[in-house]
Amino acid sequence: MLILLSPFTLQSHTLMETPLEKALTTMVTTFHKYSGREGSKLTLSREELKELIKKELCLGEKMKESSTDDLMKSLDKNSDQEIDFKEYSVFPTTLCMAYNDFFLEDSE
């Protein structure tokens, strides 16, 4: 059974979150922290994505302009020059897979 939570429910629910729930909440709230500064509140522009990466990830400061452009192109599946939440969700998922691979290699 899938339970959809509103942002208000998420805020009141944070006191009892499991680590996985906290990770999911962080993924959602981070997207919305940066979305809507330019244009739609439900999407990230190229500049909003760039700012999110720069401020939320250690690799952000080191990321080249061309890498940001490449990432934007790869995430923007419908080519509308904006990243909606579904498109964005691929990014942290891919990072999780890379972290998992790193830890698997490290444990061998």
PDB file of N, CA and C in Angstrom:
ATOM      1  N   MET A   1       0.837  -1.174   0.000  1.00  0.00           N
ATOM      2  CA  MET A   1       0.000   0.000   0.000  1.00  0.00           C
ATOM      3  C   MET A   1       0.887   1.244   0.000  1.00  0.00           C
ATOM      4  N   LEU A   2       0.650   2.156  -0.924  1.00  0.00           N
ATOM      5  CA  LEU A   2       1.399   3.401  -1.032  1.00  0.00           C
ATOM      6  C   LEU A   2       0.627   4.511  -0.344  1.00  0.00           C
ATOM      7  N   ILE A   3       1.290   5.212   0.557  1.00  0.00           N
ATOM      8  CA  ILE A   3       0.665   6.335   1.245  1.00  0.00           C
ATOM      9  C   ILE A   3       1.337   7.605   0.754  1.00  0.00           C
ATOM     10  N   LEU A   4       0.547   8.509   0.192  1.00  0.00           N
ATOM     11  CA  LEU A   4       1.076   9.782  -0.261  1.00  0.00           C
ATOM     12  C   LEU A   4       0.914  10.802   0.851  1.00  0.00           C
ATOM     13  N   LEU A   5       1.985  11.514   1.147  1.00  0.00           N
ATOM     14  CA  LEU A   5       1.965  12.486   2.227  1.00  0.00           C
ATOM     15  C   LEU A   5       2.051  13.896   1.675  1.00  0.00           C
ATOM     16  N   SER A   6       1.291  14.788   2.240  1.00  0.00           N
ATOM     17  CA  SER A   6       1.388  16.195   1.859  1.00  0.00           C
ATOM     18  C   SER A   6       2.607  16.795   2.547  1.00  0.00           C
ATOM     19  N   PRO A   7       3.086  17.965   2.090  1.00  0.00           N
ATOM     20  CA  PRO A   7       4.208  18.618   2.779  1.00  0.00           C
ATOM     21  C   PRO A   7       3.909  18.867   4.256  1.00  0.00           C
ATOM     22  N   PHE A   8       2.647  19.157   4.601  1.00  0.00           N
ATOM     23  CA  PHE A   8       2.293  19.382   5.997  1.00  0.00           C
ATOM     24  C   PHE A   8       2.440  18.098   6.798  1.00  0.00           C
ATOM     25  N   THR A   9       2.038  16.987   6.222  1.00  0.00           N
ATOM     26  CA  THR A   9       2.182  15.697   6.887  1.00  0.00           C
ATOM     27  C   THR A   9       3.656  15.369   7.054  1.00  0.00           C
ATOM     28  N   LEU A  10       4.464  15.666   6.028  1.00  0.00           N
ATOM     29  CA  LEU A  10       5.895  15.405   6.114  1.00  0.00           C
ATOM     30  C   LEU A  10       6.524  16.193   7.251  1.00  0.00           C
ATOM     31  N   GLN A  11       6.136  17.456   7.413  1.00  0.00           N
ATOM     32  CA  GLN A  11       6.704  18.274   8.475  1.00  0.00           C
ATOM     33  C   GLN A  11       6.350  17.723   9.849  1.00  0.00           C
ATOM     34  N   SER A  12       5.111  17.323  10.056  1.00  0.00           N
ATOM     35  CA  SER A  12       4.704  16.819  11.362  1.00  0.00           C
ATOM     36  C   SER A  12       5.211  15.399  11.598  1.00  0.00           C
ATOM     37  N   HIS A  13       5.569  14.711  10.540  1.00  0.00           N
ATOM     38  CA  HIS A  13       6.011  13.321  10.616  1.00  0.00           C
ATOM     39  C   HIS A  13       7.503  13.205  10.933  1.00  0.00           C
ATOM     40  N   THR A  14       8.260  14.292  10.805  1.00  0.00           N
ATOM     41  CA  THR A  14       9.716  14.214  10.915  1.00  0.00           C
ATOM     42  C   THR A  14      10.207  13.727  12.269  1.00  0.00           C
ATOM     43  N   LEU A  15       9.426  13.851  13.324  1.00  0.00           N
ATOM     44  CA  LEU A  15       9.868  13.409  14.640  1.00  0.00           C
ATOM     45  C   LEU A  15      10.005  11.898  14.735  1.00  0.00           C
ATOM     46  N   MET A  16       9.291  11.154  13.895  1.00  0.00           N
ATOM     47  CA  MET A  16       9.299   9.705  13.986  1.00  0.00           C
ATOM     48  C   MET A  16       9.882   9.044  12.739  1.00  0.00           C
ATOM     49  N   GLU A  17      10.627   9.769  11.965  1.00  0.00           N
ATOM     50  CA  GLU A  17      11.139   9.225  10.709  1.00  0.00           C
ATOM     51  C   GLU A  17      12.210   8.161  10.923  1.00  0.00           C
ATOM     52  N   THR A  18      12.142   7.148  10.091  1.00  0.00           N
ATOM     53  CA  THR A  18      13.224   6.176  10.023  1.00  0.00           C
ATOM     54  C   THR A  18      14.324   6.785   9.150  1.00  0.00           C
ATOM     55  N   PRO A  19      15.528   6.223   9.146  1.00  0.00           N
ATOM     56  CA  PRO A  19      16.584   6.770   8.286  1.00  0.00           C
ATOM     57  C   PRO A  19      16.190   6.826   6.805  1.00  0.00           C
ATOM     58  N   LEU A  20      15.491   5.805   6.313  1.00  0.00           N
ATOM     59  CA  LEU A  20      15.083   5.813   4.910  1.00  0.00           C
ATOM     60  C   LEU A  20      14.047   6.901   4.652  1.00  0.00           C
ATOM     61  N   GLU A  21      13.091   7.041   5.563  1.00  0.00           N
ATOM     62  CA  GLU A  21      12.092   8.104   5.409  1.00  0.00           C
ATOM     63  C   GLU A  21      12.755   9.479   5.424  1.00  0.00           C
ATOM     64  N   LYS A  22      13.738   9.645   6.281  1.00  0.00           N
ATOM     65  CA  LYS A  22      14.454  10.926   6.349  1.00  0.00           C
ATOM     66  C   LYS A  22      15.173  11.200   5.032  1.00  0.00           C
ATOM     67  N   ALA A  23      15.787  10.177   4.456  1.00  0.00           N
ATOM     68  CA  ALA A  23      16.475  10.336   3.169  1.00  0.00           C
ATOM     69  C   ALA A  23      15.491  10.739   2.075  1.00  0.00           C
ATOM     70  N   LEU A  24      14.333  10.100   2.050  1.00  0.00           N
ATOM     71  CA  LEU A  24      13.318  10.431   1.045  1.00  0.00           C
ATOM     72  C   LEU A  24      12.788  11.848   1.244  1.00  0.00           C
ATOM     73  N   THR A  25      12.520  12.207   2.491  1.00  0.00           N
ATOM     74  CA  THR A  25      12.053  13.558   2.797  1.00  0.00           C
ATOM     75  C   THR A  25      13.089  14.588   2.370  1.00  0.00           C
ATOM     76  N   THR A  26      14.355  14.312   2.639  1.00  0.00           N
ATOM     77  CA  THR A  26      15.430  15.226   2.252  1.00  0.00           C
ATOM     78  C   THR A  26      15.497  15.375   0.745  1.00  0.00           C
ATOM     79  N   MET A  27      15.347  14.278   0.019  1.00  0.00           N
ATOM     80  CA  MET A  27      15.372  14.340  -1.441  1.00  0.00           C
ATOM     81  C   MET A  27      14.263  15.252  -1.966  1.00  0.00           C
ATOM     82  N   VAL A  28      13.061  15.109  -1.413  1.00  0.00           N
ATOM     83  CA  VAL A  28      11.918  15.916  -1.855  1.00  0.00           C
ATOM     84  C   VAL A  28      12.092  17.376  -1.445  1.00  0.00           C
ATOM     85  N   THR A  29      12.423  17.613  -0.186  1.00  0.00           N
ATOM     86  CA  THR A  29      12.524  18.998   0.282  1.00  0.00           C
ATOM     87  C   THR A  29      13.688  19.738  -0.366  1.00  0.00           C
ATOM     88  N   THR A  30      14.758  19.039  -0.687  1.00  0.00           N
ATOM     89  CA  THR A  30      15.878  19.682  -1.377  1.00  0.00           C
ATOM     90  C   THR A  30      15.458  20.136  -2.766  1.00  0.00           C
ATOM     91  N   PHE A  31      14.723  19.302  -3.485  1.00  0.00           N
ATOM     92  CA  PHE A  31      14.215  19.700  -4.801  1.00  0.00           C
ATOM     93  C   PHE A  31      13.395  20.981  -4.677  1.00  0.00           C
ATOM     94  N   HIS A  32      12.459  21.001  -3.733  1.00  0.00           N
ATOM     95  CA  HIS A  32      11.554  22.146  -3.606  1.00  0.00           C
ATOM     96  C   HIS A  32      12.230  23.377  -3.007  1.00  0.00           C
ATOM     97  N   LYS A  33      13.338  23.183  -2.336  1.00  0.00           N
ATOM     98  CA  LYS A  33      14.118  24.316  -1.821  1.00  0.00           C
ATOM     99  C   LYS A  33      14.652  25.174  -2.975  1.00  0.00           C
ATOM    100  N   TYR A  34      14.975  24.531  -4.096  1.00  0.00           N
ATOM    101  CA  TYR A  34      15.568  25.230  -5.240  1.00  0.00           C
ATOM    102  C   TYR A  34      14.593  25.453  -6.392  1.00  0.00           C
ATOM    103  N   SER A  35      13.548  24.658  -6.481  1.00  0.00           N
ATOM    104  CA  SER A  35      12.606  24.808  -7.601  1.00  0.00           C
ATOM    105  C   SER A  35      11.776  26.074  -7.431  1.00  0.00           C
ATOM    106  N   GLY A  36      11.374  26.641  -8.548  1.00  0.00           N
ATOM    107  CA  GLY A  36      10.462  27.777  -8.510  1.00  0.00           C
ATOM    108  C   GLY A  36      11.078  29.130  -8.281  1.00  0.00           C
ATOM    109  N   ARG A  37      12.379  29.199  -8.135  1.00  0.00           N
ATOM    110  CA  ARG A  37      13.015  30.514  -8.006  1.00  0.00           C
ATOM    111  C   ARG A  37      12.938  31.263  -9.329  1.00  0.00           C
ATOM    112  N   GLU A  38      12.946  30.484 -10.406  1.00  0.00           N
ATOM    113  CA  GLU A  38      12.743  31.015 -11.760  1.00  0.00           C
ATOM    114  C   GLU A  38      11.611  30.192 -12.357  1.00  0.00           C
ATOM    115  N   GLY A  39      10.556  30.785 -12.794  1.00  0.00           N
ATOM    116  CA  GLY A  39       9.487  30.042 -13.461  1.00  0.00           C
ATOM    117  C   GLY A  39       8.664  29.193 -12.515  1.00  0.00           C
ATOM    118  N   SER A  40       8.321  27.992 -12.975  1.00  0.00           N
ATOM    119  CA  SER A  40       7.415  27.094 -12.262  1.00  0.00           C
ATOM    120  C   SER A  40       7.983  26.635 -10.921  1.00  0.00           C
ATOM    121  N   LYS A  41       7.101  26.536  -9.925  1.00  0.00           N
ATOM    122  CA  LYS A  41       7.498  26.029  -8.614  1.00  0.00           C
ATOM    123  C   LYS A  41       7.705  24.520  -8.633  1.00  0.00           C
ATOM    124  N   LEU A  42       7.314  23.887  -9.721  1.00  0.00           N
ATOM    125  CA  LEU A  42       7.389  22.427  -9.805  1.00  0.00           C
ATOM    126  C   LEU A  42       8.558  21.938 -10.641  1.00  0.00           C
ATOM    127  N   THR A  43       9.418  22.854 -11.081  1.00  0.00           N
ATOM    128  CA  THR A  43      10.561  22.453 -11.910  1.00  0.00           C
ATOM    129  C   THR A  43      11.819  23.207 -11.503  1.00  0.00           C
ATOM    130  N   LEU A  44      12.946  22.635 -11.907  1.00  0.00           N
ATOM    131  CA  LEU A  44      14.247  23.286 -11.748  1.00  0.00           C
ATOM    132  C   LEU A  44      14.709  23.794 -13.104  1.00  0.00           C
ATOM    133  N   SER A  45      15.138  25.036 -13.148  1.00  0.00           N
ATOM    134  CA  SER A  45      15.788  25.558 -14.348  1.00  0.00           C
ATOM    135  C   SER A  45      17.245  25.102 -14.325  1.00  0.00           C
ATOM    136  N   ARG A  46      17.974  25.374 -15.371  1.00  0.00           N
ATOM    137  CA  ARG A  46      19.395  25.036 -15.421  1.00  0.00           C
ATOM    138  C   ARG A  46      20.137  25.713 -14.264  1.00  0.00           C
ATOM    139  N   GLU A  47      19.841  26.992 -14.033  1.00  0.00           N
ATOM    140  CA  GLU A  47      20.509  27.736 -12.960  1.00  0.00           C
ATOM    141  C   GLU A  47      20.130  27.201 -11.581  1.00  0.00           C
ATOM    142  N   GLU A  48      18.877  26.819 -11.400  1.00  0.00           N
ATOM    143  CA  GLU A  48      18.446  26.247 -10.122  1.00  0.00           C
ATOM    144  C   GLU A  48      19.122  24.901  -9.880  1.00  0.00           C
ATOM    145  N   LEU A  49      19.229  24.073 -10.915  1.00  0.00           N
ATOM    146  CA  LEU A  49      19.921  22.789 -10.797  1.00  0.00           C
ATOM    147  C   LEU A  49      21.387  23.014 -10.449  1.00  0.00           C
ATOM    148  N   LYS A  50      22.003  23.963 -11.116  1.00  0.00           N
ATOM    149  CA  LYS A  50      23.412  24.292 -10.864  1.00  0.00           C
ATOM    150  C   LYS A  50      23.612  24.729  -9.406  1.00  0.00           C
ATOM    151  N   GLU A  51      22.717  25.576  -8.904  1.00  0.00           N
ATOM    152  CA  GLU A  51      22.816  26.040  -7.520  1.00  0.00           C
ATOM    153  C   GLU A  51      22.607  24.889  -6.535  1.00  0.00           C
ATOM    154  N   LEU A  52      21.638  24.018  -6.808  1.00  0.00           N
ATOM    155  CA  LEU A  52      21.388  22.854  -5.958  1.00  0.00           C
ATOM    156  C   LEU A  52      22.651  22.001  -5.857  1.00  0.00           C
ATOM    157  N   ILE A  53      23.259  21.708  -6.983  1.00  0.00           N
ATOM    158  CA  ILE A  53      24.462  20.870  -6.994  1.00  0.00           C
ATOM    159  C   ILE A  53      25.599  21.552  -6.246  1.00  0.00           C
ATOM    160  N   LYS A  54      25.776  22.840  -6.512  1.00  0.00           N
ATOM    161  CA  LYS A  54      26.870  23.595  -5.892  1.00  0.00           C
ATOM    162  C   LYS A  54      26.737  23.649  -4.373  1.00  0.00           C
ATOM    163  N   LYS A  55      25.516  23.846  -3.879  1.00  0.00           N
ATOM    164  CA  LYS A  55      25.319  24.034  -2.443  1.00  0.00           C
ATOM    165  C   LYS A  55      25.041  22.749  -1.669  1.00  0.00           C
ATOM    166  N   GLU A  56      24.570  21.711  -2.344  1.00  0.00           N
ATOM    167  CA  GLU A  56      24.146  20.503  -1.635  1.00  0.00           C
ATOM    168  C   GLU A  56      25.092  19.316  -1.792  1.00  0.00           C
ATOM    169  N   LEU A  57      26.035  19.397  -2.724  1.00  0.00           N
ATOM    170  CA  LEU A  57      26.956  18.278  -2.962  1.00  0.00           C
ATOM    171  C   LEU A  57      28.401  18.761  -2.938  1.00  0.00           C
ATOM    172  N   CYS A  58      29.275  17.973  -2.337  1.00  0.00           N
ATOM    173  CA  CYS A  58      30.698  18.327  -2.297  1.00  0.00           C
ATOM    174  C   CYS A  58      31.277  18.493  -3.696  1.00  0.00           C
ATOM    175  N   LEU A  59      30.831  17.682  -4.624  1.00  0.00           N
ATOM    176  CA  LEU A  59      31.354  17.741  -5.986  1.00  0.00           C
ATOM    177  C   LEU A  59      30.899  18.987  -6.733  1.00  0.00           C
ATOM    178  N   GLY A  60      29.909  19.680  -6.213  1.00  0.00           N
ATOM    179  CA  GLY A  60      29.327  20.832  -6.890  1.00  0.00           C
ATOM    180  C   GLY A  60      30.301  21.946  -7.182  1.00  0.00           C
ATOM    181  N   GLU A  61      31.180  22.249  -6.245  1.00  0.00           N
ATOM    182  CA  GLU A  61      32.170  23.312  -6.441  1.00  0.00           C
ATOM    183  C   GLU A  61      33.162  22.957  -7.541  1.00  0.00           C
ATOM    184  N   LYS A  62      33.390  21.681  -7.739  1.00  0.00           N
ATOM    185  CA  LYS A  62      34.389  21.217  -8.706  1.00  0.00           C
ATOM    186  C   LYS A  62      33.802  20.960 -10.088  1.00  0.00           C
ATOM    187  N   MET A  63      32.486  21.003 -10.190  1.00  0.00           N
ATOM    188  CA  MET A  63      31.819  20.645 -11.438  1.00  0.00           C
ATOM    189  C   MET A  63      31.982  21.744 -12.485  1.00  0.00           C
ATOM    190  N   LYS A  64      32.413  21.353 -13.667  1.00  0.00           N
ATOM    191  CA  LYS A  64      32.599  22.302 -14.766  1.00  0.00           C
ATOM    192  C   LYS A  64      31.254  22.703 -15.355  1.00  0.00           C
ATOM    193  N   GLU A  65      31.227  23.870 -15.986  1.00  0.00           N
ATOM    194  CA  GLU A  65      30.014  24.383 -16.633  1.00  0.00           C
ATOM    195  C   GLU A  65      29.494  23.382 -17.667  1.00  0.00           C
ATOM    196  N   SER A  66      30.412  22.798 -18.434  1.00  0.00           N
ATOM    197  CA  SER A  66      30.003  21.835 -19.464  1.00  0.00           C
ATOM    198  C   SER A  66      29.397  20.578 -18.838  1.00  0.00           C
ATOM    199  N   SER A  67      29.877  20.200 -17.668  1.00  0.00           N
ATOM    200  CA  SER A  67      29.317  19.035 -16.975  1.00  0.00           C
ATOM    201  C   SER A  67      27.893  19.306 -16.506  1.00  0.00           C
ATOM    202  N   THR A  68      27.647  20.533 -16.047  1.00  0.00           N
ATOM    203  CA  THR A  68      26.290  20.917 -15.649  1.00  0.00           C
ATOM    204  C   THR A  68      25.358  20.867 -16.850  1.00  0.00           C
ATOM    205  N   ASP A  69      25.839  21.375 -17.988  1.00  0.00           N
ATOM    206  CA  ASP A  69      25.038  21.339 -19.217  1.00  0.00           C
ATOM    207  C   ASP A  69      24.738  19.903 -19.633  1.00  0.00           C
ATOM    208  N   ASP A  70      25.747  19.042 -19.560  1.00  0.00           N
ATOM    209  CA  ASP A  70      25.558  17.631 -19.917  1.00  0.00           C
ATOM    210  C   ASP A  70      24.552  16.954 -18.985  1.00  0.00           C
ATOM    211  N   LEU A  71      24.666  17.251 -17.690  1.00  0.00           N
ATOM    212  CA  LEU A  71      23.733  16.679 -16.718  1.00  0.00           C
ATOM    213  C   LEU A  71      22.310  17.149 -17.013  1.00  0.00           C
ATOM    214  N   MET A  72      22.160  18.434 -17.282  1.00  0.00           N
ATOM    215  CA  MET A  72      20.836  18.992 -17.594  1.00  0.00           C
ATOM    216  C   MET A  72      20.237  18.282 -18.804  1.00  0.00           C
ATOM    217  N   LYS A  73      21.030  18.102 -19.844  1.00  0.00           N
ATOM    218  CA  LYS A  73      20.542  17.430 -21.054  1.00  0.00           C
ATOM    219  C   LYS A  73      20.143  15.986 -20.767  1.00  0.00           C
ATOM    220  N   SER A  74      20.942  15.300 -19.954  1.00  0.00           N
ATOM    221  CA  SER A  74      20.641  13.891 -19.684  1.00  0.00           C
ATOM    222  C   SER A  74      19.403  13.730 -18.796  1.00  0.00           C
ATOM    223  N   LEU A  75      19.158  14.670 -17.896  1.00  0.00           N
ATOM    224  CA  LEU A  75      17.990  14.582 -17.018  1.00  0.00           C
ATOM    225  C   LEU A  75      16.709  15.062 -17.690  1.00  0.00           C
ATOM    226  N   ASP A  76      16.827  16.034 -18.591  1.00  0.00           N
ATOM    227  CA  ASP A  76      15.667  16.679 -19.217  1.00  0.00           C
ATOM    228  C   ASP A  76      15.113  15.812 -20.349  1.00  0.00           C
ATOM    229  N   LYS A  77      14.410  14.758 -19.975  1.00  0.00           N
ATOM    230  CA  LYS A  77      13.932  13.770 -20.951  1.00  0.00           C
ATOM    231  C   LYS A  77      12.935  14.330 -21.959  1.00  0.00           C
ATOM    232  N   ASN A  78      12.132  15.326 -21.565  1.00  0.00           N
ATOM    233  CA  ASN A  78      11.149  15.877 -22.503  1.00  0.00           C
ATOM    234  C   ASN A  78      11.650  17.146 -23.205  1.00  0.00           C
ATOM    235  N   SER A  79      12.914  17.479 -22.998  1.00  0.00           N
ATOM    236  CA  SER A  79      13.589  18.602 -23.678  1.00  0.00           C
ATOM    237  C   SER A  79      12.852  19.937 -23.547  1.00  0.00           C
ATOM    238  N   ASP A  80      12.300  20.204 -22.350  1.00  0.00           N
ATOM    239  CA  ASP A  80      11.603  21.479 -22.148  1.00  0.00           C
ATOM    240  C   ASP A  80      12.466  22.514 -21.422  1.00  0.00           C
ATOM    241  N   GLN A  81      13.742  22.197 -21.248  1.00  0.00           N
ATOM    242  CA  GLN A  81      14.708  23.080 -20.589  1.00  0.00           C
ATOM    243  C   GLN A  81      14.422  23.259 -19.093  1.00  0.00           C
ATOM    244  N   GLU A  82      13.647  22.358 -18.518  1.00  0.00           N
ATOM    245  CA  GLU A  82      13.363  22.349 -17.089  1.00  0.00           C
ATOM    246  C   GLU A  82      13.395  20.907 -16.595  1.00  0.00           C
ATOM    247  N   ILE A  83      13.688  20.753 -15.312  1.00  0.00           N
ATOM    248  CA  ILE A  83      13.733  19.427 -14.705  1.00  0.00           C
ATOM    249  C   ILE A  83      12.573  19.317 -13.722  1.00  0.00           C
ATOM    250  N   ASP A  84      11.619  18.422 -14.013  1.00  0.00           N
ATOM    251  CA  ASP A  84      10.531  18.204 -13.059  1.00  0.00           C
ATOM    252  C   ASP A  84      11.004  17.177 -12.024  1.00  0.00           C
ATOM    253  N   PHE A  85      10.171  16.906 -11.022  1.00  0.00           N
ATOM    254  CA  PHE A  85      10.616  16.027  -9.948  1.00  0.00           C
ATOM    255  C   PHE A  85      10.936  14.625 -10.448  1.00  0.00           C
ATOM    256  N   LYS A  86      10.144  14.117 -11.362  1.00  0.00           N
ATOM    257  CA  LYS A  86      10.396  12.769 -11.896  1.00  0.00           C
ATOM    258  C   LYS A  86      11.764  12.719 -12.578  1.00  0.00           C
ATOM    259  N   GLU A  87      12.074  13.736 -13.365  1.00  0.00           N
ATOM    260  CA  GLU A  87      13.379  13.786 -14.038  1.00  0.00           C
ATOM    261  C   GLU A  87      14.501  13.947 -13.006  1.00  0.00           C
ATOM    262  N   TYR A  88      14.286  14.795 -12.014  1.00  0.00           N
ATOM    263  CA  TYR A  88      15.277  15.035 -10.961  1.00  0.00           C
ATOM    264  C   TYR A  88      15.578  13.767 -10.166  1.00  0.00           C
ATOM    265  N   SER A  89      14.558  12.963  -9.910  1.00  0.00           N
ATOM    266  CA  SER A  89      14.733  11.783  -9.059  1.00  0.00           C
ATOM    267  C   SER A  89      15.761  10.803  -9.616  1.00  0.00           C
ATOM    268  N   VAL A  90      16.006  10.859 -10.902  1.00  0.00           N
ATOM    269  CA  VAL A  90      17.027  10.005 -11.518  1.00  0.00           C
ATOM    270  C   VAL A  90      18.421  10.378 -11.001  1.00  0.00           C
ATOM    271  N   PHE A  91      18.641  11.663 -10.760  1.00  0.00           N
ATOM    272  CA  PHE A  91      19.960  12.146 -10.345  1.00  0.00           C
ATOM    273  C   PHE A  91      20.400  11.589  -8.987  1.00  0.00           C
ATOM    274  N   PRO A  92      19.634  11.793  -7.890  1.00  0.00           N
ATOM    275  CA  PRO A  92      20.080  11.214  -6.621  1.00  0.00           C
ATOM    276  C   PRO A  92      20.094   9.685  -6.637  1.00  0.00           C
ATOM    277  N   THR A  93      19.208   9.084  -7.425  1.00  0.00           N
ATOM    278  CA  THR A  93      19.211   7.626  -7.542  1.00  0.00           C
ATOM    279  C   THR A  93      20.516   7.148  -8.171  1.00  0.00           C
ATOM    280  N   THR A  94      20.955   7.832  -9.210  1.00  0.00           N
ATOM    281  CA  THR A  94      22.219   7.491  -9.868  1.00  0.00           C
ATOM    282  C   THR A  94      23.396   7.687  -8.915  1.00  0.00           C
ATOM    283  N   LEU A  95      23.365   8.766  -8.129  1.00  0.00           N
ATOM    284  CA  LEU A  95      24.419   8.982  -7.132  1.00  0.00           C
ATOM    285  C   LEU A  95      24.438   7.856  -6.103  1.00  0.00           C
ATOM    286  N   CYS A  96      23.264   7.415  -5.666  1.00  0.00           N
ATOM    287  CA  CYS A  96      23.183   6.297  -4.712  1.00  0.00           C
ATOM    288  C   CYS A  96      23.809   5.034  -5.293  1.00  0.00           C
ATOM    289  N   MET A  97      23.543   4.779  -6.562  1.00  0.00           N
ATOM    290  CA  MET A  97      24.115   3.600  -7.216  1.00  0.00           C
ATOM    291  C   MET A  97      25.638   3.712  -7.287  1.00  0.00           C
ATOM    292  N   ALA A  98      26.144   4.905  -7.576  1.00  0.00           N
ATOM    293  CA  ALA A  98      27.595   5.106  -7.628  1.00  0.00           C
ATOM    294  C   ALA A  98      28.216   4.918  -6.245  1.00  0.00           C
ATOM    295  N   TYR A  99      27.569   5.450  -5.206  1.00  0.00           N
ATOM    296  CA  TYR A  99      28.065   5.260  -3.842  1.00  0.00           C
ATOM    297  C   TYR A  99      28.063   3.782  -3.473  1.00  0.00           C
ATOM    298  N   ASN A 100      27.016   3.067  -3.839  1.00  0.00           N
ATOM    299  CA  ASN A 100      26.940   1.642  -3.555  1.00  0.00           C
ATOM    300  C   ASN A 100      28.082   0.892  -4.237  1.00  0.00           C
ATOM    301  N   ASP A 101      28.323   1.201  -5.506  1.00  0.00           N
ATOM    302  CA  ASP A 101      29.427   0.562  -6.233  1.00  0.00           C
ATOM    303  C   ASP A 101      30.762   0.847  -5.556  1.00  0.00           C
ATOM    304  N   PHE A 102      30.950   2.090  -5.105  1.00  0.00           N
ATOM    305  CA  PHE A 102      32.189   2.465  -4.426  1.00  0.00           C
ATOM    306  C   PHE A 102      32.383   1.628  -3.167  1.00  0.00           C
ATOM    307  N   PHE A 103      31.327   1.497  -2.363  1.00  0.00           N
ATOM    308  CA  PHE A 103      31.433   0.736  -1.121  1.00  0.00           C
ATOM    309  C   PHE A 103      31.603  -0.756  -1.377  1.00  0.00           C
ATOM    310  N   LEU A 104      31.002  -1.268  -2.450  1.00  0.00           N
ATOM    311  CA  LEU A 104      31.192  -2.677  -2.798  1.00  0.00           C
ATOM    312  C   LEU A 104      32.634  -2.944  -3.198  1.00  0.00           C
ATOM    313  N   GLU A 105      33.210  -2.062  -4.003  1.00  0.00           N
ATOM    314  CA  GLU A 105      34.606  -2.211  -4.420  1.00  0.00           C
ATOM    315  C   GLU A 105      35.540  -2.093  -3.226  1.00  0.00           C
ATOM    316  N   ASP A 106      35.222  -1.184  -2.323  1.00  0.00           N
ATOM    317  CA  ASP A 106      36.053  -0.947  -1.151  1.00  0.00           C
ATOM    318  C   ASP A 106      36.047  -2.141  -0.201  1.00  0.00           C
ATOM    319  N   SER A 107      34.953  -2.901  -0.181  1.00  0.00           N
ATOM    320  CA  SER A 107      34.841  -4.033   0.738  1.00  0.00           C
ATOM    321  C   SER A 107      35.486  -5.307   0.197  1.00  0.00           C
ATOM    322  N   GLU A 108      35.873  -5.293  -1.066  1.00  0.00           N
ATOM    323  CA  GLU A 108      36.472  -6.504  -1.667  1.00  0.00           C
ATOM    324  C   GLU A 108      37.931  -6.634  -1.361  1.00  0.00           C
TER     325      GLU A 108
END
